[in-house]
Amino acid sequence: MAEKTIVGLTEKVTIIGPKGKGKRVVARIDTGATKSSVDAKLAAELALGPIIKTKLIKSASGNKMRPVLKAEIKIAKKKLKEEFTVADRSHLRYKVLVGQNILKKGFLIDPTKK
């Protein structure tokens, strides 16, 4: 079995834009989210995109259609190009949410990890 990378409930990640410009942020690890999500302002700042499709997202605040883009993320020394939904996360503590689509690529979550 392949070696798993251990992450905590929050993890420092770097979101990398198409021109190689990246921004390091603390992301929330969420096993309940099928797709990862990035804040709309952060996506604009890094010129992420283009929008490749829209997806119906079911969340605590109701169902919404959200744009989806592909972006590169560096998490725990691994670099992955994955899909992210774009959402207004300005009222939330974390500008990036890492969901199952990334976690399934060989990550284990240790809630005690700081």
PDB file of N, CA and C in Angstrom:
ATOM      1  N   MET A   1       0.841  -1.198   0.000  1.00  0.00           N
ATOM      2  CA  MET A   1       0.000   0.000   0.000  1.00  0.00           C
ATOM      3  C   MET A   1       0.880   1.253   0.000  1.00  0.00           C
ATOM      4  N   ALA A   2       0.489   2.246  -0.765  1.00  0.00           N
ATOM      5  CA  ALA A   2       1.266   3.487  -0.863  1.00  0.00           C
ATOM      6  C   ALA A   2       1.271   4.225   0.477  1.00  0.00           C
ATOM      7  N   GLU A   3       2.365   4.903   0.720  1.00  0.00           N
ATOM      8  CA  GLU A   3       2.513   5.683   1.950  1.00  0.00           C
ATOM      9  C   GLU A   3       1.519   6.847   1.960  1.00  0.00           C
ATOM     10  N   LYS A   4       0.826   7.026   3.081  1.00  0.00           N
ATOM     11  CA  LYS A   4      -0.153   8.108   3.219  1.00  0.00           C
ATOM     12  C   LYS A   4       0.520   9.322   3.858  1.00  0.00           C
ATOM     13  N   THR A   5       0.092  10.490   3.442  1.00  0.00           N
ATOM     14  CA  THR A   5       0.585  11.745   4.004  1.00  0.00           C
ATOM     15  C   THR A   5      -0.393  12.186   5.071  1.00  0.00           C
ATOM     16  N   ILE A   6       0.124  12.480   6.261  1.00  0.00           N
ATOM     17  CA  ILE A   6      -0.746  12.859   7.381  1.00  0.00           C
ATOM     18  C   ILE A   6      -0.922  14.374   7.419  1.00  0.00           C
ATOM     19  N   VAL A   7      -2.191  14.797   7.487  1.00  0.00           N
ATOM     20  CA  VAL A   7      -2.529  16.217   7.627  1.00  0.00           C
ATOM     21  C   VAL A   7      -3.405  16.393   8.865  1.00  0.00           C
ATOM     22  N   GLY A   8      -3.452  17.612   9.373  1.00  0.00           N
ATOM     23  CA  GLY A   8      -4.287  17.915  10.529  1.00  0.00           C
ATOM     24  C   GLY A   8      -5.648  18.446  10.102  1.00  0.00           C
ATOM     25  N   LEU A   9      -6.397  18.987  11.048  1.00  0.00           N
ATOM     26  CA  LEU A   9      -7.720  19.562  10.747  1.00  0.00           C
ATOM     27  C   LEU A   9      -7.592  20.875   9.988  1.00  0.00           C
ATOM     28  N   THR A  10      -6.453  21.538  10.160  1.00  0.00           N
ATOM     29  CA  THR A  10      -6.103  22.701   9.340  1.00  0.00           C
ATOM     30  C   THR A  10      -4.692  22.443   8.840  1.00  0.00           C
ATOM     31  N   GLU A  11      -4.373  22.987   7.688  1.00  0.00           N
ATOM     32  CA  GLU A  11      -3.063  22.717   7.085  1.00  0.00           C
ATOM     33  C   GLU A  11      -2.624  23.940   6.285  1.00  0.00           C
ATOM     34  N   LYS A  12      -1.341  24.275   6.359  1.00  0.00           N
ATOM     35  CA  LYS A  12      -0.814  25.365   5.527  1.00  0.00           C
ATOM     36  C   LYS A  12      -0.683  24.836   4.108  1.00  0.00           C
ATOM     37  N   VAL A  13      -1.283  25.545   3.167  1.00  0.00           N
ATOM     38  CA  VAL A  13      -1.246  25.143   1.760  1.00  0.00           C
ATOM     39  C   VAL A  13      -0.829  26.350   0.917  1.00  0.00           C
ATOM     40  N   THR A  14      -0.365  26.082  -0.281  1.00  0.00           N
ATOM     41  CA  THR A  14      -0.071  27.143  -1.235  1.00  0.00           C
ATOM     42  C   THR A  14      -0.945  26.917  -2.452  1.00  0.00           C
ATOM     43  N   ILE A  15      -1.719  27.927  -2.798  1.00  0.00           N
ATOM     44  CA  ILE A  15      -2.521  27.893  -4.019  1.00  0.00           C
ATOM     45  C   ILE A  15      -1.687  28.600  -5.085  1.00  0.00           C
ATOM     46  N   ILE A  16      -1.501  27.933  -6.212  1.00  0.00           N
ATOM     47  CA  ILE A  16      -0.626  28.465  -7.250  1.00  0.00           C
ATOM     48  C   ILE A  16      -1.439  28.844  -8.484  1.00  0.00           C
ATOM     49  N   GLY A  17      -1.273  30.091  -8.903  1.00  0.00           N
ATOM     50  CA  GLY A  17      -1.965  30.601 -10.081  1.00  0.00           C
ATOM     51  C   GLY A  17      -1.284  30.162 -11.365  1.00  0.00           C
ATOM     52  N   PRO A  18      -1.901  30.457 -12.507  1.00  0.00           N
ATOM     53  CA  PRO A  18      -1.373  30.009 -13.797  1.00  0.00           C
ATOM     54  C   PRO A  18      -0.005  30.600 -14.143  1.00  0.00           C
ATOM     55  N   LYS A  19       0.338  31.740 -13.586  1.00  0.00           N
ATOM     56  CA  LYS A  19       1.639  32.358 -13.868  1.00  0.00           C
ATOM     57  C   LYS A  19       2.690  31.946 -12.841  1.00  0.00           C
ATOM     58  N   GLY A  20       2.364  30.942 -12.028  1.00  0.00           N
ATOM     59  CA  GLY A  20       3.317  30.450 -11.039  1.00  0.00           C
ATOM     60  C   GLY A  20       3.323  31.225  -9.736  1.00  0.00           C
ATOM     61  N   LYS A  21       2.516  32.293  -9.677  1.00  0.00           N
ATOM     62  CA  LYS A  21       2.417  33.083  -8.439  1.00  0.00           C
ATOM     63  C   LYS A  21       1.564  32.295  -7.445  1.00  0.00           C
ATOM     64  N   GLY A  22       2.079  32.168  -6.237  1.00  0.00           N
ATOM     65  CA  GLY A  22       1.344  31.402  -5.235  1.00  0.00           C
ATOM     66  C   GLY A  22       1.064  32.207  -3.994  1.00  0.00           C
ATOM     67  N   LYS A  23       0.103  31.739  -3.229  1.00  0.00           N
ATOM     68  CA  LYS A  23      -0.213  32.382  -1.954  1.00  0.00           C
ATOM     69  C   LYS A  23      -0.378  31.286  -0.910  1.00  0.00           C
ATOM     70  N   ARG A  24       0.314  31.459   0.212  1.00  0.00           N
ATOM     71  CA  ARG A  24       0.246  30.483   1.300  1.00  0.00           C
ATOM     72  C   ARG A  24      -0.872  30.894   2.258  1.00  0.00           C
ATOM     73  N   VAL A  25      -1.773  29.965   2.511  1.00  0.00           N
ATOM     74  CA  VAL A  25      -2.892  30.219   3.421  1.00  0.00           C
ATOM     75  C   VAL A  25      -3.114  28.985   4.293  1.00  0.00           C
ATOM     76  N   VAL A  26      -3.833  29.176   5.377  1.00  0.00           N
ATOM     77  CA  VAL A  26      -4.228  28.040   6.197  1.00  0.00           C
ATOM     78  C   VAL A  26      -5.568  27.548   5.673  1.00  0.00           C
ATOM     79  N   ALA A  27      -5.630  26.263   5.327  1.00  0.00           N
ATOM     80  CA  ALA A  27      -6.854  25.671   4.769  1.00  0.00           C
ATOM     81  C   ALA A  27      -7.521  24.783   5.808  1.00  0.00           C
ATOM     82  N   ARG A  28      -8.821  24.692   5.704  1.00  0.00           N
ATOM     83  CA  ARG A  28      -9.607  23.798   6.551  1.00  0.00           C
ATOM     84  C   ARG A  28      -9.712  22.458   5.836  1.00  0.00           C
ATOM     85  N   ILE A  29      -9.427  21.382   6.548  1.00  0.00           N
ATOM     86  CA  ILE A  29      -9.566  20.040   5.995  1.00  0.00           C
ATOM     87  C   ILE A  29     -10.982  19.578   6.336  1.00  0.00           C
ATOM     88  N   ASP A  30     -11.765  19.207   5.314  1.00  0.00           N
ATOM     89  CA  ASP A  30     -13.171  18.862   5.525  1.00  0.00           C
ATOM     90  C   ASP A  30     -13.534  17.577   4.797  1.00  0.00           C
ATOM     91  N   THR A  31     -13.632  16.484   5.565  1.00  0.00           N
ATOM     92  CA  THR A  31     -13.970  15.181   4.982  1.00  0.00           C
ATOM     93  C   THR A  31     -15.418  15.136   4.511  1.00  0.00           C
ATOM     94  N   GLY A  32     -16.235  16.057   4.986  1.00  0.00           N
ATOM     95  CA  GLY A  32     -17.645  16.088   4.598  1.00  0.00           C
ATOM     96  C   GLY A  32     -17.882  16.787   3.264  1.00  0.00           C
ATOM     97  N   ALA A  33     -16.870  17.499   2.764  1.00  0.00           N
ATOM     98  CA  ALA A  33     -17.003  18.210   1.491  1.00  0.00           C
ATOM     99  C   ALA A  33     -16.479  17.325   0.363  1.00  0.00           C
ATOM    100  N   THR A  34     -17.320  17.067  -0.640  1.00  0.00           N
ATOM    101  CA  THR A  34     -16.860  16.229  -1.747  1.00  0.00           C
ATOM    102  C   THR A  34     -15.858  16.978  -2.614  1.00  0.00           C
ATOM    103  N   LYS A  35     -16.057  18.284  -2.778  1.00  0.00           N
ATOM    104  CA  LYS A  35     -15.161  19.120  -3.586  1.00  0.00           C
ATOM    105  C   LYS A  35     -14.455  20.151  -2.716  1.00  0.00           C
ATOM    106  N   SER A  36     -13.250  20.484  -3.105  1.00  0.00           N
ATOM    107  CA  SER A  36     -12.514  21.550  -2.434  1.00  0.00           C
ATOM    108  C   SER A  36     -13.069  22.896  -2.903  1.00  0.00           C
ATOM    109  N   SER A  37     -12.824  23.931  -2.109  1.00  0.00           N
ATOM    110  CA  SER A  37     -13.384  25.239  -2.406  1.00  0.00           C
ATOM    111  C   SER A  37     -12.343  26.325  -2.154  1.00  0.00           C
ATOM    112  N   VAL A  38     -12.396  27.374  -2.972  1.00  0.00           N
ATOM    113  CA  VAL A  38     -11.484  28.506  -2.821  1.00  0.00           C
ATOM    114  C   VAL A  38     -12.312  29.796  -2.779  1.00  0.00           C
ATOM    115  N   ASP A  39     -11.847  30.751  -1.995  1.00  0.00           N
ATOM    116  CA  ASP A  39     -12.538  32.035  -1.889  1.00  0.00           C
ATOM    117  C   ASP A  39     -12.461  32.798  -3.213  1.00  0.00           C
ATOM    118  N   ALA A  40     -13.547  33.430  -3.592  1.00  0.00           N
ATOM    119  CA  ALA A  40     -13.634  34.157  -4.863  1.00  0.00           C
ATOM    120  C   ALA A  40     -12.572  35.252  -4.964  1.00  0.00           C
ATOM    121  N   LYS A  41     -12.323  35.989  -3.876  1.00  0.00           N
ATOM    122  CA  LYS A  41     -11.325  37.075  -3.902  1.00  0.00           C
ATOM    123  C   LYS A  41      -9.921  36.509  -4.092  1.00  0.00           C
ATOM    124  N   LEU A  42      -9.624  35.397  -3.445  1.00  0.00           N
ATOM    125  CA  LEU A  42      -8.312  34.756  -3.592  1.00  0.00           C
ATOM    126  C   LEU A  42      -8.139  34.239  -5.017  1.00  0.00           C
ATOM    127  N   ALA A  43      -9.204  33.655  -5.582  1.00  0.00           N
ATOM    128  CA  ALA A  43      -9.163  33.158  -6.963  1.00  0.00           C
ATOM    129  C   ALA A  43      -8.896  34.308  -7.929  1.00  0.00           C
ATOM    130  N   ALA A  44      -9.517  35.460  -7.688  1.00  0.00           N
ATOM    131  CA  ALA A  44      -9.316  36.632  -8.550  1.00  0.00           C
ATOM    132  C   ALA A  44      -7.900  37.184  -8.388  1.00  0.00           C
ATOM    133  N   GLU A  45      -7.421  37.249  -7.156  1.00  0.00           N
ATOM    134  CA  GLU A  45      -6.080  37.778  -6.861  1.00  0.00           C
ATOM    135  C   GLU A  45      -4.990  36.955  -7.578  1.00  0.00           C
ATOM    136  N   LEU A  46      -5.175  35.636  -7.624  1.00  0.00           N
ATOM    137  CA  LEU A  46      -4.185  34.761  -8.257  1.00  0.00           C
ATOM    138  C   LEU A  46      -4.498  34.485  -9.730  1.00  0.00           C
ATOM    139  N   ALA A  47      -5.571  35.093 -10.224  1.00  0.00           N
ATOM    140  CA  ALA A  47      -6.017  34.903 -11.618  1.00  0.00           C
ATOM    141  C   ALA A  47      -6.236  33.428 -11.937  1.00  0.00           C
ATOM    142  N   LEU A  48      -6.891  32.722 -11.001  1.00  0.00           N
ATOM    143  CA  LEU A  48      -7.189  31.304 -11.215  1.00  0.00           C
ATOM    144  C   LEU A  48      -8.274  31.167 -12.272  1.00  0.00           C
ATOM    145  N   GLY A  49      -8.263  30.087 -12.966  1.00  0.00           N
ATOM    146  CA  GLY A  49      -9.296  29.870 -13.973  1.00  0.00           C
ATOM    147  C   GLY A  49      -8.690  29.254 -15.198  1.00  0.00           C
ATOM    148  N   PRO A  50      -9.431  29.124 -16.241  1.00  0.00           N
ATOM    149  CA  PRO A  50     -10.800  29.581 -16.452  1.00  0.00           C
ATOM    150  C   PRO A  50     -11.818  28.691 -15.742  1.00  0.00           C
ATOM    151  N   ILE A  51     -13.061  29.164 -15.687  1.00  0.00           N
ATOM    152  CA  ILE A  51     -14.155  28.369 -15.143  1.00  0.00           C
ATOM    153  C   ILE A  51     -14.412  27.230 -16.144  1.00  0.00           C
ATOM    154  N   ILE A  52     -14.381  25.995 -15.651  1.00  0.00           N
ATOM    155  CA  ILE A  52     -14.549  24.859 -16.570  1.00  0.00           C
ATOM    156  C   ILE A  52     -15.970  24.294 -16.568  1.00  0.00           C
ATOM    157  N   LYS A  53     -16.713  24.557 -15.495  1.00  0.00           N
ATOM    158  CA  LYS A  53     -18.105  24.093 -15.411  1.00  0.00           C
ATOM    159  C   LYS A  53     -18.748  24.713 -14.179  1.00  0.00           C
ATOM    160  N   THR A  54     -20.028  24.405 -13.971  1.00  0.00           N
ATOM    161  CA  THR A  54     -20.685  24.785 -12.717  1.00  0.00           C
ATOM    162  C   THR A  54     -21.187  23.514 -12.062  1.00  0.00           C
ATOM    163  N   LYS A  55     -21.322  23.563 -10.743  1.00  0.00           N
ATOM    164  CA  LYS A  55     -21.735  22.380  -9.989  1.00  0.00           C
ATOM    165  C   LYS A  55     -22.713  22.790  -8.901  1.00  0.00           C
ATOM    166  N   LEU A  56     -23.737  21.967  -8.697  1.00  0.00           N
ATOM    167  CA  LEU A  56     -24.691  22.203  -7.615  1.00  0.00           C
ATOM    168  C   LEU A  56     -24.060  21.745  -6.311  1.00  0.00           C
ATOM    169  N   ILE A  57     -23.929  22.659  -5.372  1.00  0.00           N
ATOM    170  CA  ILE A  57     -23.308  22.371  -4.082  1.00  0.00           C
ATOM    171  C   ILE A  57     -24.370  22.439  -2.995  1.00  0.00           C
ATOM    172  N   LYS A  58     -24.416  21.383  -2.195  1.00  0.00           N
ATOM    173  CA  LYS A  58     -25.337  21.361  -1.050  1.00  0.00           C
ATOM    174  C   LYS A  58     -24.524  21.683   0.192  1.00  0.00           C
ATOM    175  N   SER A  59     -24.917  22.751   0.876  1.00  0.00           N
ATOM    176  CA  SER A  59     -24.197  23.142   2.092  1.00  0.00           C
ATOM    177  C   SER A  59     -25.190  23.509   3.179  1.00  0.00           C
ATOM    178  N   ALA A  60     -24.652  23.845   4.338  1.00  0.00           N
ATOM    179  CA  ALA A  60     -25.497  24.230   5.468  1.00  0.00           C
ATOM    180  C   ALA A  60     -26.339  25.458   5.131  1.00  0.00           C
ATOM    181  N   SER A  61     -25.833  26.300   4.220  1.00  0.00           N
ATOM    182  CA  SER A  61     -26.574  27.514   3.854  1.00  0.00           C
ATOM    183  C   SER A  61     -27.504  27.307   2.650  1.00  0.00           C
ATOM    184  N   GLY A  62     -27.705  26.048   2.267  1.00  0.00           N
ATOM    185  CA  GLY A  62     -28.629  25.757   1.163  1.00  0.00           C
ATOM    186  C   GLY A  62     -27.912  25.261  -0.080  1.00  0.00           C
ATOM    187  N   ASN A  63     -28.687  25.055  -1.153  1.00  0.00           N
ATOM    188  CA  ASN A  63     -28.125  24.575  -2.419  1.00  0.00           C
ATOM    189  C   ASN A  63     -27.811  25.755  -3.328  1.00  0.00           C
ATOM    190  N   LYS A  64     -26.637  25.709  -3.956  1.00  0.00           N
ATOM    191  CA  LYS A  64     -26.221  26.798  -4.841  1.00  0.00           C
ATOM    192  C   LYS A  64     -25.447  26.240  -6.018  1.00  0.00           C
ATOM    193  N   MET A  65     -25.580  26.909  -7.171  1.00  0.00           N
ATOM    194  CA  MET A  65     -24.732  26.581  -8.316  1.00  0.00           C
ATOM    195  C   MET A  65     -23.441  27.377  -8.142  1.00  0.00           C
ATOM    196  N   ARG A  66     -22.308  26.683  -8.221  1.00  0.00           N
ATOM    197  CA  ARG A  66     -21.024  27.369  -8.074  1.00  0.00           C
ATOM    198  C   ARG A  66     -20.132  27.098  -9.276  1.00  0.00           C
ATOM    199  N   PRO A  67     -19.346  28.106  -9.665  1.00  0.00           N
ATOM    200  CA  PRO A  67     -18.377  27.875 -10.734  1.00  0.00           C
ATOM    201  C   PRO A  67     -17.264  26.944 -10.245  1.00  0.00           C
ATOM    202  N   VAL A  68     -16.700  26.178 -11.166  1.00  0.00           N
ATOM    203  CA  VAL A  68     -15.614  25.246 -10.842  1.00  0.00           C
ATOM    204  C   VAL A  68     -14.418  25.587 -11.729  1.00  0.00           C
ATOM    205  N   LEU A  69     -13.230  25.603 -11.117  1.00  0.00           N
ATOM    206  CA  LEU A  69     -12.001  25.825 -11.871  1.00  0.00           C
ATOM    207  C   LEU A  69     -10.952  24.822 -11.419  1.00  0.00           C
ATOM    208  N   LYS A  70      -9.891  24.693 -12.217  1.00  0.00           N
ATOM    209  CA  LYS A  70      -8.771  23.825 -11.839  1.00  0.00           C
ATOM    210  C   LYS A  70      -7.650  24.719 -11.352  1.00  0.00           C
ATOM    211  N   ALA A  71      -7.043  24.334 -10.244  1.00  0.00           N
ATOM    212  CA  ALA A  71      -5.922  25.100  -9.704  1.00  0.00           C
ATOM    213  C   ALA A  71      -4.909  24.138  -9.110  1.00  0.00           C
ATOM    214  N   GLU A  72      -3.687  24.634  -8.995  1.00  0.00           N
ATOM    215  CA  GLU A  72      -2.637  23.828  -8.401  1.00  0.00           C
ATOM    216  C   GLU A  72      -2.551  24.160  -6.923  1.00  0.00           C
ATOM    217  N   ILE A  73      -2.421  23.127  -6.108  1.00  0.00           N
ATOM    218  CA  ILE A  73      -2.301  23.302  -4.662  1.00  0.00           C
ATOM    219  C   ILE A  73      -1.105  22.509  -4.179  1.00  0.00           C
ATOM    220  N   LYS A  74      -0.362  23.120  -3.264  1.00  0.00           N
ATOM    221  CA  LYS A  74       0.740  22.403  -2.616  1.00  0.00           C
ATOM    222  C   LYS A  74       0.306  22.184  -1.180  1.00  0.00           C
ATOM    223  N   ILE A  75       0.175  20.921  -0.807  1.00  0.00           N
ATOM    224  CA  ILE A  75      -0.266  20.558   0.535  1.00  0.00           C
ATOM    225  C   ILE A  75       0.641  19.453   1.058  1.00  0.00           C
ATOM    226  N   ALA A  76       1.237  19.695   2.219  1.00  0.00           N
ATOM    227  CA  ALA A  76       2.133  18.723   2.863  1.00  0.00           C
ATOM    228  C   ALA A  76       3.162  18.160   1.877  1.00  0.00           C
ATOM    229  N   LYS A  77       3.864  19.056   1.192  1.00  0.00           N
ATOM    230  CA  LYS A  77       4.932  18.718   0.230  1.00  0.00           C
ATOM    231  C   LYS A  77       4.453  18.026  -1.045  1.00  0.00           C
ATOM    232  N   LYS A  78       3.135  17.870  -1.219  1.00  0.00           N
ATOM    233  CA  LYS A  78       2.587  17.280  -2.441  1.00  0.00           C
ATOM    234  C   LYS A  78       1.989  18.391  -3.286  1.00  0.00           C
ATOM    235  N   LYS A  79       2.252  18.349  -4.604  1.00  0.00           N
ATOM    236  CA  LYS A  79       1.684  19.328  -5.531  1.00  0.00           C
ATOM    237  C   LYS A  79       0.645  18.618  -6.377  1.00  0.00           C
ATOM    238  N   LEU A  80      -0.586  19.128  -6.371  1.00  0.00           N
ATOM    239  CA  LEU A  80      -1.680  18.515  -7.117  1.00  0.00           C
ATOM    240  C   LEU A  80      -2.435  19.566  -7.911  1.00  0.00           C
ATOM    241  N   LYS A  81      -2.926  19.186  -9.084  1.00  0.00           N
ATOM    242  CA  LYS A  81      -3.811  20.072  -9.854  1.00  0.00           C
ATOM    243  C   LYS A  81      -5.209  19.475  -9.684  1.00  0.00           C
ATOM    244  N   GLU A  82      -6.093  20.235  -9.058  1.00  0.00           N
ATOM    245  CA  GLU A  82      -7.416  19.707  -8.732  1.00  0.00           C
ATOM    246  C   GLU A  82      -8.502  20.738  -8.988  1.00  0.00           C
ATOM    247  N   GLU A  83      -9.749  20.235  -8.970  1.00  0.00           N
ATOM    248  CA  GLU A  83     -10.903  21.127  -9.140  1.00  0.00           C
ATOM    249  C   GLU A  83     -11.296  21.760  -7.808  1.00  0.00           C
ATOM    250  N   PHE A  84     -11.657  23.031  -7.898  1.00  0.00           N
ATOM    251  CA  PHE A  84     -12.144  23.793  -6.740  1.00  0.00           C
ATOM    252  C   PHE A  84     -13.425  24.496  -7.139  1.00  0.00           C
ATOM    253  N   THR A  85     -14.402  24.525  -6.249  1.00  0.00           N
ATOM    254  CA  THR A  85     -15.558  25.394  -6.481  1.00  0.00           C
ATOM    255  C   THR A  85     -15.144  26.776  -5.995  1.00  0.00           C
ATOM    256  N   VAL A  86     -15.733  27.809  -6.578  1.00  0.00           N
ATOM    257  CA  VAL A  86     -15.426  29.184  -6.188  1.00  0.00           C
ATOM    258  C   VAL A  86     -16.602  29.694  -5.370  1.00  0.00           C
ATOM    259  N   ALA A  87     -16.312  30.171  -4.160  1.00  0.00           N
ATOM    260  CA  ALA A  87     -17.375  30.624  -3.256  1.00  0.00           C
ATOM    261  C   ALA A  87     -16.925  31.884  -2.528  1.00  0.00           C
ATOM    262  N   ASP A  88     -17.890  32.641  -2.031  1.00  0.00           N
ATOM    263  CA  ASP A  88     -17.578  33.796  -1.192  1.00  0.00           C
ATOM    264  C   ASP A  88     -17.301  33.256   0.207  1.00  0.00           C
ATOM    265  N   ARG A  89     -16.034  33.174   0.563  1.00  0.00           N
ATOM    266  CA  ARG A  89     -15.643  32.665   1.877  1.00  0.00           C
ATOM    267  C   ARG A  89     -15.151  33.817   2.759  1.00  0.00           C
ATOM    268  N   SER A  90     -15.481  35.067   2.379  1.00  0.00           N
ATOM    269  CA  SER A  90     -14.976  36.239   3.108  1.00  0.00           C
ATOM    270  C   SER A  90     -15.446  36.261   4.562  1.00  0.00           C
ATOM    271  N   HIS A  91     -16.608  35.680   4.825  1.00  0.00           N
ATOM    272  CA  HIS A  91     -17.139  35.663   6.192  1.00  0.00           C
ATOM    273  C   HIS A  91     -16.619  34.452   6.973  1.00  0.00           C
ATOM    274  N   LEU A  92     -15.834  33.604   6.322  1.00  0.00           N
ATOM    275  CA  LEU A  92     -15.311  32.397   6.965  1.00  0.00           C
ATOM    276  C   LEU A  92     -13.847  32.579   7.353  1.00  0.00           C
ATOM    277  N   ARG A  93     -13.404  31.794   8.306  1.00  0.00           N
ATOM    278  CA  ARG A  93     -12.045  31.884   8.819  1.00  0.00           C
ATOM    279  C   ARG A  93     -10.998  31.403   7.808  1.00  0.00           C
ATOM    280  N   TYR A  94     -11.381  30.394   7.008  1.00  0.00           N
ATOM    281  CA  TYR A  94     -10.426  29.791   6.081  1.00  0.00           C
ATOM    282  C   TYR A  94     -10.819  30.102   4.641  1.00  0.00           C
ATOM    283  N   LYS A  95      -9.869  30.601   3.861  1.00  0.00           N
ATOM    284  CA  LYS A  95     -10.124  30.994   2.469  1.00  0.00           C
ATOM    285  C   LYS A  95     -10.099  29.792   1.524  1.00  0.00           C
ATOM    286  N   VAL A  96      -9.568  28.671   2.005  1.00  0.00           N
ATOM    287  CA  VAL A  96      -9.511  27.445   1.208  1.00  0.00           C
ATOM    288  C   VAL A  96     -10.035  26.294   2.052  1.00  0.00           C
ATOM    289  N   LEU A  97     -10.850  25.467   1.420  1.00  0.00           N
ATOM    290  CA  LEU A  97     -11.377  24.275   2.066  1.00  0.00           C
ATOM    291  C   LEU A  97     -10.887  23.081   1.229  1.00  0.00           C
ATOM    292  N   VAL A  98     -10.216  22.134   1.873  1.00  0.00           N
ATOM    293  CA  VAL A  98      -9.713  20.953   1.181  1.00  0.00           C
ATOM    294  C   VAL A  98     -10.700  19.817   1.416  1.00  0.00           C
ATOM    295  N   GLY A  99     -11.313  19.354   0.330  1.00  0.00           N
ATOM    296  CA  GLY A  99     -12.335  18.312   0.413  1.00  0.00           C
ATOM    297  C   GLY A  99     -11.834  16.953  -0.046  1.00  0.00           C
ATOM    298  N   GLN A 100     -12.789  16.040  -0.193  1.00  0.00           N
ATOM    299  CA  GLN A 100     -12.478  14.648  -0.526  1.00  0.00           C
ATOM    300  C   GLN A 100     -11.733  14.480  -1.839  1.00  0.00           C
ATOM    301  N   ASN A 101     -12.010  15.347  -2.837  1.00  0.00           N
ATOM    302  CA  ASN A 101     -11.345  15.182  -4.131  1.00  0.00           C
ATOM    303  C   ASN A 101      -9.820  15.282  -4.008  1.00  0.00           C
ATOM    304  N   ILE A 102      -9.326  16.006  -3.017  1.00  0.00           N
ATOM    305  CA  ILE A 102      -7.876  16.074  -2.768  1.00  0.00           C
ATOM    306  C   ILE A 102      -7.464  15.022  -1.747  1.00  0.00           C
ATOM    307  N   LEU A 103      -8.252  14.860  -0.692  1.00  0.00           N
ATOM    308  CA  LEU A 103      -7.899  13.935   0.383  1.00  0.00           C
ATOM    309  C   LEU A 103      -7.778  12.487  -0.098  1.00  0.00           C
ATOM    310  N   LYS A 104      -8.539  12.127  -1.136  1.00  0.00           N
ATOM    311  CA  LYS A 104      -8.494  10.769  -1.682  1.00  0.00           C
ATOM    312  C   LYS A 104      -7.181  10.460  -2.394  1.00  0.00           C
ATOM    313  N   LYS A 105      -6.346  11.476  -2.587  1.00  0.00           N
ATOM    314  CA  LYS A 105      -5.068  11.294  -3.289  1.00  0.00           C
ATOM    315  C   LYS A 105      -3.948  10.871  -2.333  1.00  0.00           C
ATOM    316  N   GLY A 106      -4.289  10.206  -1.256  1.00  0.00           N
ATOM    317  CA  GLY A 106      -3.261   9.662  -0.368  1.00  0.00           C
ATOM    318  C   GLY A 106      -3.019  10.422   0.921  1.00  0.00           C
ATOM    319  N   PHE A 107      -4.086  10.991   1.496  1.00  0.00           N
ATOM    320  CA  PHE A 107      -3.934  11.726   2.760  1.00  0.00           C
ATOM    321  C   PHE A 107      -4.706  11.025   3.880  1.00  0.00           C
ATOM    322  N   LEU A 108      -4.154  11.090   5.073  1.00  0.00           N
ATOM    323  CA  LEU A 108      -4.815  10.630   6.294  1.00  0.00           C
ATOM    324  C   LEU A 108      -4.939  11.842   7.212  1.00  0.00           C
ATOM    325  N   ILE A 109      -6.052  11.912   7.937  1.00  0.00           N
ATOM    326  CA  ILE A 109      -6.259  13.058   8.825  1.00  0.00           C
ATOM    327  C   ILE A 109      -6.023  12.649  10.269  1.00  0.00           C
ATOM    328  N   ASP A 110      -5.149  13.393  10.923  1.00  0.00           N
ATOM    329  CA  ASP A 110      -4.865  13.193  12.346  1.00  0.00           C
ATOM    330  C   ASP A 110      -5.324  14.453  13.070  1.00  0.00           C
ATOM    331  N   PRO A 111      -6.460  14.376  13.774  1.00  0.00           N
ATOM    332  CA  PRO A 111      -7.004  15.566  14.439  1.00  0.00           C
ATOM    333  C   PRO A 111      -6.066  16.167  15.495  1.00  0.00           C
ATOM    334  N   THR A 112      -5.090  15.405  15.978  1.00  0.00           N
ATOM    335  CA  THR A 112      -4.173  15.925  17.003  1.00  0.00           C
ATOM    336  C   THR A 112      -2.974  16.653  16.394  1.00  0.00           C
ATOM    337  N   LYS A 113      -2.795  16.548  15.079  1.00  0.00           N
ATOM    338  CA  LYS A 113      -1.652  17.179  14.420  1.00  0.00           C
ATOM    339  C   LYS A 113      -1.813  18.702  14.409  1.00  0.00           C
ATOM    340  N   LYS A 114      -0.775  19.394  14.812  1.00  0.00           N
ATOM    341  CA  LYS A 114      -0.784  20.876  14.822  1.00  0.00           C
ATOM    342  C   LYS A 114      -0.014  21.397  13.639  1.00  0.00           C
TER     343      LYS A 114
END
